[in-house]
Amino acid sequence: MKKINKRWIFVIIGVIICAVAFLWSTLLYKVFSASDIKSEITGTLLGTIISAIVTVLLLQGQTEIEENKDISLNVFGKKQEVYHNFIEALESITQDGKVNVPSVEGHDKNAQDELQHLIYQLGFVQMHAEHDVAEKITELVGELLSSLSLMNSTDLNKNEAYSHLAKNVFDIVSLLRKDLYNNADMPVSEEKFKAAIRASGAFDKELLSDSGREEELSQFLKLLQDEFKERGRNPLVYYRSEQPRKTDEISAISRGYINVKTDRAILFNFPLEKKKKESLYFQFTFDDAGDYYAEIKDKARGENANDETAIKQYRELAPADPYINFLDTNIEGYKRFARMTENGKKNFVKNIVEGVEKKLAEVINSEQS
């Protein structure tokens, strides 16, 4: 308001100076006659006054814009600070794996009441956020505290616990980011984070468990199937000598293979289109010892043929580094595979398939000639 008053004073002074200067110059140089001077003065003053009013209105509008901009910047800066402090407070409160409440038995009675501190932090968020955002943040904080209690439980593996915690934190950050920058980017997925923490090797014990190996074998088979499909193949997955199961039952096949202790095998195959021997087909075999290898077989000889020499020339189609055995946990290659990121596993399987396809082309060409 003081800025506007000062501008008014400057404008009025400017108008008076301009009017006096104009009158003086017209009388000095006899621009107008004495009879015209009144009308010219009146017109000039009216024009000057109108110009002054328009100028003041423009200045006033510009001032309001600048003031609103300053207010918005200050609010945004404070909002950003509050949100950053909120995330830091969440980290501090949950650092020891629990929320300390001195009045609760078993909690540290001399330490800070972390639940009370969290309530005030949520109050700061509510002061700056829209109602819907504040409610959603409060809900997500509740889920985060639930994940925190799971981390202290022995019923859930630590890999899963940390993944749940990461999902809750990333969801909170994503919501705050959207409120700050109007950016609706999705948070980092739980699967991406699980892959990242697996790569650290901190949870190898869980990766070596039955459930861990089931998950890794399922992923390996699915990647293998997808890679061959991209190359125009139509692979089927069998468990033992049963009929081929559907793609969405790969997890059940993996579970059976890992948990059944004897007479277990996975057959992964597709036919080879040829001009001569239409009975030839490609097959990946995961045997009872956990070894896997690739072959080209001839159905005319029998799918379970014991004539080793008949198919020997087609063996060893899929060399892999590292070598994986999903049953023998003493083999380091499995852990190396399990620690890979999603893209790393895709590239690993892709290299296997490229080696297979190269050999298949050689075999097919030799059969046709």
Protein backbone atom coordinates (compact mmCIF):
# COMPACT_ATOMS: atom_id res chain seq x y z
CA MET A 1 0.00 0.00 0.00
CA LYS A 2 2.88 2.37 0.79
CA LYS A 3 4.34 1.66 -2.64
CA ILE A 4 1.03 2.65 -4.28
CA ASN A 5 0.78 5.91 -2.26
CA LYS A 6 4.32 6.91 -3.22
CA ARG A 7 3.55 6.26 -6.86
CA TRP A 8 0.41 8.42 -6.65
CA ILE A 9 2.48 11.29 -5.23
CA PHE A 10 5.07 10.97 -7.99
CA VAL A 11 2.34 10.85 -10.64
CA ILE A 12 0.57 13.97 -9.28
CA ILE A 13 3.85 15.88 -9.06
CA GLY A 14 4.67 14.77 -12.59
CA VAL A 15 1.27 15.91 -13.86
CA ILE A 16 1.69 19.36 -12.26
CA ILE A 17 5.22 19.81 -13.64
CA CYS A 18 4.11 18.73 -17.12
CA ALA A 19 1.10 21.07 -17.03
CA VAL A 20 3.18 24.05 -15.89
CA ALA A 21 5.82 23.33 -18.49
CA PHE A 22 3.20 23.05 -21.19
CA LEU A 23 1.53 26.35 -20.25
CA TRP A 24 4.84 28.14 -20.04
CA SER A 25 5.98 26.88 -23.44
CA THR A 26 2.70 27.79 -25.16
CA LEU A 27 2.75 31.34 -23.77
CA LEU A 28 6.44 31.79 -24.46
CA TYR A 29 6.31 30.67 -28.08
CA LYS A 30 2.75 31.94 -28.70
CA VAL A 31 1.57 28.57 -29.89
CA PHE A 32 -2.03 29.44 -29.10
CA SER A 33 -3.90 32.69 -29.08
CA ALA A 34 -5.27 34.08 -25.83
CA SER A 35 -8.81 33.04 -26.80
CA ASP A 36 -7.75 29.40 -27.37
CA ILE A 37 -5.58 29.01 -24.32
CA LYS A 38 -8.45 28.00 -21.98
CA SER A 39 -9.73 25.19 -24.18
CA GLU A 40 -6.20 23.92 -24.85
CA ILE A 41 -5.36 23.95 -21.16
CA THR A 42 -8.56 22.06 -20.37
CA GLY A 43 -7.90 19.45 -23.05
CA THR A 44 -4.31 19.04 -22.02
CA LEU A 45 -5.17 18.64 -18.36
CA LEU A 46 -7.87 16.09 -19.12
CA GLY A 47 -5.47 14.09 -21.30
CA THR A 48 -2.76 14.24 -18.67
CA ILE A 49 -5.15 13.19 -15.90
CA ILE A 50 -6.51 10.26 -17.93
CA SER A 51 -2.95 9.15 -18.77
CA ALA A 52 -2.02 9.42 -15.11
CA ILE A 53 -5.02 7.32 -14.03
CA VAL A 54 -4.27 4.63 -16.61
CA THR A 55 -0.61 4.59 -15.56
CA VAL A 56 -1.53 4.25 -11.89
CA LEU A 57 -3.96 1.40 -12.62
CA LEU A 58 -1.30 -0.42 -14.59
CA LEU A 59 1.23 0.09 -11.82
CA GLN A 60 -1.27 -1.07 -9.25
CA GLY A 61 -2.00 -4.25 -11.24
CA GLN A 62 1.70 -4.94 -11.68
CA THR A 63 2.26 -4.39 -7.97
CA GLU A 64 -0.48 -6.88 -7.06
CA ILE A 65 1.01 -9.44 -9.44
CA GLU A 66 4.46 -9.00 -7.93
CA GLU A 67 3.08 -9.20 -4.39
CA ASN A 68 1.10 -12.37 -5.21
CA LYS A 69 4.19 -13.85 -6.84
CA ASP A 70 6.25 -13.09 -3.75
CA ILE A 71 3.58 -14.65 -1.53
CA SER A 72 3.40 -17.77 -3.77
CA LEU A 73 7.18 -18.17 -3.74
CA ASN A 74 7.31 -17.81 0.02
CA VAL A 75 4.45 -20.29 0.50
CA PHE A 76 6.07 -22.76 -1.94
CA GLY A 77 9.42 -22.45 -0.18
CA LYS A 78 7.84 -23.03 3.21
CA LYS A 79 5.76 -25.91 1.87
CA GLN A 80 8.87 -27.52 0.40
CA GLU A 81 10.69 -27.10 3.71
CA VAL A 82 7.80 -28.63 5.67
CA TYR A 83 7.60 -31.64 3.33
CA HIS A 84 11.36 -32.22 3.47
CA ASN A 85 11.32 -31.96 7.26
CA PHE A 86 8.40 -34.40 7.35
CA ILE A 87 10.36 -37.07 5.44
CA GLU A 88 13.39 -36.48 7.68
CA ALA A 89 11.18 -36.77 10.76
CA LEU A 90 9.74 -40.07 9.48
CA GLU A 91 13.25 -41.41 9.01
CA SER A 92 14.30 -40.29 12.50
CA ILE A 93 11.20 -41.74 14.16
CA THR A 94 11.45 -45.11 12.40
CA GLN A 95 15.25 -45.45 12.51
CA ASP A 96 15.25 -47.89 15.44
CA GLY A 97 12.45 -50.00 13.95
CA LYS A 98 9.67 -48.78 16.25
CA VAL A 99 7.78 -45.65 17.32
CA ASN A 100 8.65 -44.90 20.94
CA VAL A 101 5.76 -44.00 23.26
CA PRO A 102 7.09 -43.48 26.85
CA SER A 103 3.74 -44.29 28.46
CA VAL A 104 3.67 -47.76 26.86
CA GLU A 105 5.25 -50.64 28.74
CA GLY A 106 8.51 -51.79 27.21
CA HIS A 107 9.25 -48.43 25.56
CA ASP A 108 11.97 -46.02 26.61
CA LYS A 109 10.40 -43.75 29.24
CA ASN A 110 13.26 -41.24 29.09
CA ALA A 111 13.25 -40.83 25.32
CA GLN A 112 11.17 -38.53 23.16
CA ASP A 113 7.50 -39.33 22.58
CA GLU A 114 7.90 -40.10 18.87
CA LEU A 115 4.19 -40.63 18.28
CA GLN A 116 3.45 -37.14 19.59
CA HIS A 117 6.22 -35.74 17.40
CA LEU A 118 4.70 -37.53 14.40
CA ILE A 119 1.28 -36.04 15.15
CA TYR A 120 2.71 -32.52 15.07
CA GLN A 121 4.56 -33.29 11.83
CA LEU A 122 1.27 -34.42 10.27
CA GLY A 123 -0.22 -31.16 11.52
CA PHE A 124 2.44 -29.18 9.63
CA VAL A 125 1.63 -31.18 6.49
CA GLN A 126 -2.10 -30.53 6.96
CA MET A 127 -1.39 -26.79 7.29
CA HIS A 128 0.09 -26.67 3.79
CA ALA A 129 -1.61 -29.52 1.93
CA GLU A 130 -5.13 -29.85 0.56
CA HIS A 131 -7.54 -31.91 2.68
CA ASP A 132 -7.46 -34.95 0.36
CA VAL A 133 -3.66 -34.93 0.25
CA ALA A 134 -3.36 -34.62 4.05
CA GLU A 135 -5.78 -37.52 4.57
CA LYS A 136 -3.95 -39.74 2.07
CA ILE A 137 -0.59 -38.91 3.68
CA THR A 138 -1.96 -39.85 7.10
CA GLU A 139 -3.26 -43.15 5.69
CA LEU A 140 0.12 -43.91 4.08
CA VAL A 141 1.93 -43.14 7.34
CA GLY A 142 -0.30 -45.71 9.03
CA GLU A 143 0.69 -48.29 6.38
CA LEU A 144 4.35 -47.36 6.86
CA LEU A 145 4.10 -47.97 10.63
CA SER A 146 2.46 -51.32 9.86
CA SER A 147 5.37 -52.21 7.57
CA LEU A 148 7.72 -51.21 10.37
CA SER A 149 6.13 -53.72 12.73
CA LEU A 150 6.49 -56.42 10.07
CA MET A 151 10.23 -55.76 9.91
CA ASN A 152 10.47 -56.83 13.56
CA SER A 153 8.45 -59.98 12.89
CA THR A 154 10.07 -63.34 12.17
CA ASP A 155 7.09 -64.46 10.09
CA LEU A 156 8.04 -62.33 7.07
CA ASN A 157 11.41 -62.42 5.32
CA LYS A 158 13.45 -59.24 5.53
CA ASN A 159 13.54 -58.77 1.77
CA GLU A 160 9.74 -58.50 1.70
CA ALA A 161 9.68 -56.30 4.82
CA TYR A 162 12.11 -53.77 3.38
CA SER A 163 10.23 -53.83 0.08
CA HIS A 164 6.94 -53.00 1.84
CA LEU A 165 8.62 -50.20 3.77
CA ALA A 166 10.14 -48.80 0.56
CA LYS A 167 6.77 -48.89 -1.20
CA ASN A 168 5.14 -46.90 1.61
CA VAL A 169 7.94 -44.30 1.68
CA PHE A 170 7.97 -43.94 -2.11
CA ASP A 171 4.17 -43.56 -2.21
CA ILE A 172 4.38 -40.76 0.38
CA VAL A 173 7.19 -39.01 -1.54
CA SER A 174 5.27 -39.35 -4.81
CA LEU A 175 2.16 -37.76 -3.29
CA LEU A 176 4.15 -34.88 -1.76
CA ARG A 177 6.00 -34.39 -5.05
CA LYS A 178 2.72 -34.21 -6.94
CA ASP A 179 1.36 -31.64 -4.48
CA LEU A 180 4.53 -29.53 -4.75
CA TYR A 181 5.29 -29.66 -8.45
CA ASN A 182 1.98 -30.88 -9.90
CA ASN A 183 3.95 -33.84 -11.22
CA ALA A 184 2.01 -37.09 -11.42
CA ASP A 185 4.99 -39.43 -12.02
CA MET A 186 4.50 -42.90 -10.55
CA PRO A 187 6.71 -43.92 -7.61
CA VAL A 188 9.45 -46.51 -8.03
CA SER A 189 7.80 -49.93 -8.09
CA GLU A 190 8.20 -52.40 -5.25
CA GLU A 191 9.66 -54.96 -7.68
CA LYS A 192 12.35 -52.53 -8.82
CA PHE A 193 13.35 -51.92 -5.22
CA LYS A 194 13.38 -55.64 -4.41
CA ALA A 195 15.74 -56.19 -7.33
CA ALA A 196 17.97 -53.39 -6.05
CA ILE A 197 18.27 -54.78 -2.51
CA ARG A 198 18.76 -58.32 -3.82
CA ALA A 199 21.78 -57.03 -5.72
CA SER A 200 23.37 -56.00 -2.40
CA GLY A 201 23.69 -59.64 -1.35
CA ALA A 202 22.34 -58.79 2.11
CA PHE A 203 19.47 -61.26 1.76
CA ASP A 204 21.20 -64.23 0.10
CA LYS A 205 19.88 -66.50 2.84
CA GLU A 206 16.31 -65.74 1.79
CA LEU A 207 17.18 -66.12 -1.88
CA LEU A 208 18.43 -69.63 -1.11
CA SER A 209 15.17 -70.61 0.60
CA ASP A 210 12.60 -72.72 -1.24
CA SER A 211 10.30 -69.74 -1.80
CA GLY A 212 13.23 -67.64 -3.03
CA ARG A 213 14.31 -70.29 -5.55
CA GLU A 214 10.70 -70.79 -6.69
CA GLU A 215 10.45 -67.09 -7.46
CA GLU A 216 13.76 -67.00 -9.33
CA LEU A 217 12.99 -70.14 -11.35
CA SER A 218 9.56 -68.77 -12.30
CA GLN A 219 11.14 -65.54 -13.46
CA PHE A 220 13.80 -67.43 -15.43
CA LEU A 221 11.20 -69.61 -17.19
CA LYS A 222 8.96 -66.63 -17.94
CA LEU A 223 11.85 -64.62 -19.38
CA LEU A 224 12.92 -67.62 -21.44
CA GLN A 225 9.39 -68.07 -22.77
CA ASP A 226 8.96 -64.38 -23.58
CA GLU A 227 12.32 -64.19 -25.37
CA PHE A 228 11.51 -67.15 -27.60
CA LYS A 229 8.02 -65.76 -28.32
CA GLU A 230 9.57 -62.50 -29.51
CA ARG A 231 11.46 -64.61 -32.05
CA GLY A 232 8.31 -66.24 -33.39
CA ARG A 233 8.54 -69.45 -31.37
CA ASN A 234 5.64 -71.01 -29.47
CA PRO A 235 7.20 -72.68 -26.42
CA LEU A 236 5.25 -74.95 -24.04
CA VAL A 237 6.20 -75.76 -20.45
CA TYR A 238 5.71 -79.26 -19.05
CA TYR A 239 6.18 -80.62 -15.56
CA ARG A 240 7.38 -84.20 -15.68
CA SER A 241 5.33 -86.03 -18.34
CA GLU A 242 2.08 -84.12 -17.78
CA GLN A 243 0.25 -82.13 -20.39
CA PRO A 244 1.66 -78.63 -20.99
CA ARG A 245 0.45 -76.13 -18.43
CA LYS A 246 -0.67 -72.62 -19.21
CA THR A 247 1.76 -69.70 -18.95
CA ASP A 248 0.12 -68.41 -15.79
CA GLU A 249 0.86 -71.77 -14.11
CA ILE A 250 4.63 -71.43 -14.42
CA SER A 251 4.76 -70.53 -10.72
CA ALA A 252 3.01 -73.84 -9.89
CA ILE A 253 5.50 -75.74 -12.08
CA SER A 254 8.41 -74.02 -10.32
CA ARG A 255 6.93 -74.78 -6.91
CA GLY A 256 6.58 -78.46 -7.77
CA TYR A 257 10.10 -78.66 -9.16
CA ILE A 258 11.70 -77.06 -6.09
CA ASN A 259 9.69 -78.92 -3.45
CA VAL A 260 9.35 -82.43 -4.90
CA LYS A 261 12.53 -84.22 -3.88
CA THR A 262 12.61 -87.06 -6.44
CA ASP A 263 11.65 -87.74 -10.04
CA ARG A 264 11.30 -84.10 -10.98
CA ALA A 265 11.91 -82.41 -14.29
CA ILE A 266 10.77 -79.44 -16.30
CA LEU A 267 10.55 -79.72 -20.07
CA PHE A 268 10.44 -76.53 -22.10
CA ASN A 269 10.09 -77.14 -25.82
CA PHE A 270 8.76 -76.07 -29.21
CA PRO A 271 8.66 -77.69 -32.67
CA LEU A 272 11.12 -76.81 -35.42
CA GLU A 273 9.65 -76.15 -38.86
CA LYS A 274 11.78 -77.93 -41.43
CA LYS A 275 11.46 -79.08 -45.00
CA LYS A 276 12.57 -82.64 -44.26
CA LYS A 277 12.23 -83.84 -40.67
CA GLU A 278 9.01 -82.31 -39.38
CA SER A 279 9.39 -84.36 -36.16
CA LEU A 280 12.36 -82.38 -34.84
CA TYR A 281 11.79 -80.16 -31.83
CA PHE A 282 13.89 -78.03 -29.49
CA GLN A 283 13.87 -78.76 -25.77
CA PHE A 284 15.23 -77.22 -22.59
CA THR A 285 15.42 -79.80 -19.83
CA PHE A 286 15.75 -79.07 -16.11
CA ASP A 287 16.67 -82.47 -14.67
CA ASP A 288 16.37 -84.08 -11.26
CA ALA A 289 19.82 -82.85 -10.22
CA GLY A 290 19.05 -79.23 -11.01
CA ASP A 291 21.15 -79.14 -14.18
CA TYR A 292 19.65 -77.66 -17.30
CA TYR A 293 20.67 -78.14 -20.89
CA ALA A 294 19.27 -77.70 -24.37
CA GLU A 295 18.74 -80.33 -27.05
CA ILE A 296 17.19 -80.93 -30.41
CA LYS A 297 15.22 -84.16 -30.37
CA ASP A 298 13.48 -86.26 -32.98
CA LYS A 299 9.98 -87.44 -32.05
CA ALA A 300 10.34 -90.26 -34.57
CA ARG A 301 12.92 -91.80 -32.23
CA GLY A 302 10.61 -91.46 -29.24
CA GLU A 303 10.28 -88.57 -26.83
CA ASN A 304 11.87 -90.64 -24.05
CA ALA A 305 14.43 -92.35 -26.24
CA ASN A 306 17.41 -93.87 -24.45
CA ASP A 307 19.60 -93.85 -27.55
CA GLU A 308 22.04 -91.18 -26.36
CA THR A 309 24.10 -91.24 -29.56
CA ALA A 310 21.04 -90.43 -31.62
CA ILE A 311 20.74 -86.92 -30.12
CA LYS A 312 24.27 -86.31 -28.92
CA GLN A 313 25.16 -84.11 -31.89
CA TYR A 314 22.45 -81.66 -30.85
CA ARG A 315 23.38 -81.24 -27.19
CA GLU A 316 25.02 -78.33 -25.38
CA LEU A 317 23.16 -75.56 -27.18
CA ALA A 318 22.89 -73.12 -24.30
CA PRO A 319 26.14 -72.26 -22.53
CA ALA A 320 25.63 -69.73 -19.75
CA ASP A 321 27.82 -67.63 -17.51
CA PRO A 322 27.08 -67.81 -14.67
CA TYR A 323 25.91 -71.42 -14.72
CA ILE A 324 22.68 -71.73 -12.72
CA ASN A 325 21.41 -74.65 -10.69
CA PHE A 326 18.10 -73.97 -8.96
CA LEU A 327 18.45 -77.04 -6.68
CA ASP A 328 22.10 -77.04 -5.60
CA THR A 329 22.51 -73.94 -3.41
CA ASN A 330 26.28 -74.45 -3.20
CA ILE A 331 26.67 -73.32 -6.79
CA GLU A 332 27.56 -69.61 -6.82
CA GLY A 333 25.98 -68.98 -10.22
CA TYR A 334 22.45 -69.07 -8.83
CA LYS A 335 23.18 -66.30 -6.33
CA ARG A 336 24.77 -64.22 -9.08
CA PHE A 337 21.63 -64.61 -11.18
CA ALA A 338 19.29 -63.89 -8.25
CA ARG A 339 21.17 -60.67 -7.45
CA MET A 340 20.84 -59.34 -10.99
CA THR A 341 18.49 -56.46 -11.71
CA GLU A 342 15.48 -57.04 -13.94
CA ASN A 343 17.35 -55.78 -17.00
CA GLY A 344 20.39 -57.85 -16.05
CA LYS A 345 18.27 -61.01 -15.97
CA LYS A 346 16.66 -60.13 -19.29
CA ASN A 347 20.06 -59.67 -20.91
CA PHE A 348 21.31 -62.92 -19.36
CA VAL A 349 18.37 -64.90 -20.79
CA LYS A 350 18.65 -63.04 -24.08
CA ASN A 351 22.28 -64.17 -24.43
CA ILE A 352 21.23 -67.78 -23.80
CA VAL A 353 18.48 -67.58 -26.42
CA GLU A 354 20.77 -65.94 -28.96
CA GLY A 355 23.22 -68.82 -28.50
CA VAL A 356 20.41 -71.32 -28.94
CA GLU A 357 19.06 -69.62 -32.06
CA LYS A 358 22.53 -69.53 -33.60
CA LYS A 359 22.97 -73.25 -33.07
CA LEU A 360 19.43 -73.98 -34.26
CA ALA A 361 20.16 -72.18 -37.53
CA GLU A 362 23.28 -74.32 -38.04
CA VAL A 363 21.39 -77.54 -37.31
CA ILE A 364 18.45 -76.65 -39.53
CA ASN A 365 20.74 -75.73 -42.40
CA SER A 366 22.63 -79.02 -42.03
CA GLU A 367 19.38 -80.99 -41.98
CA GLN A 368 18.10 -79.26 -45.09
CA SER A 369 21.29 -79.87 -47.09
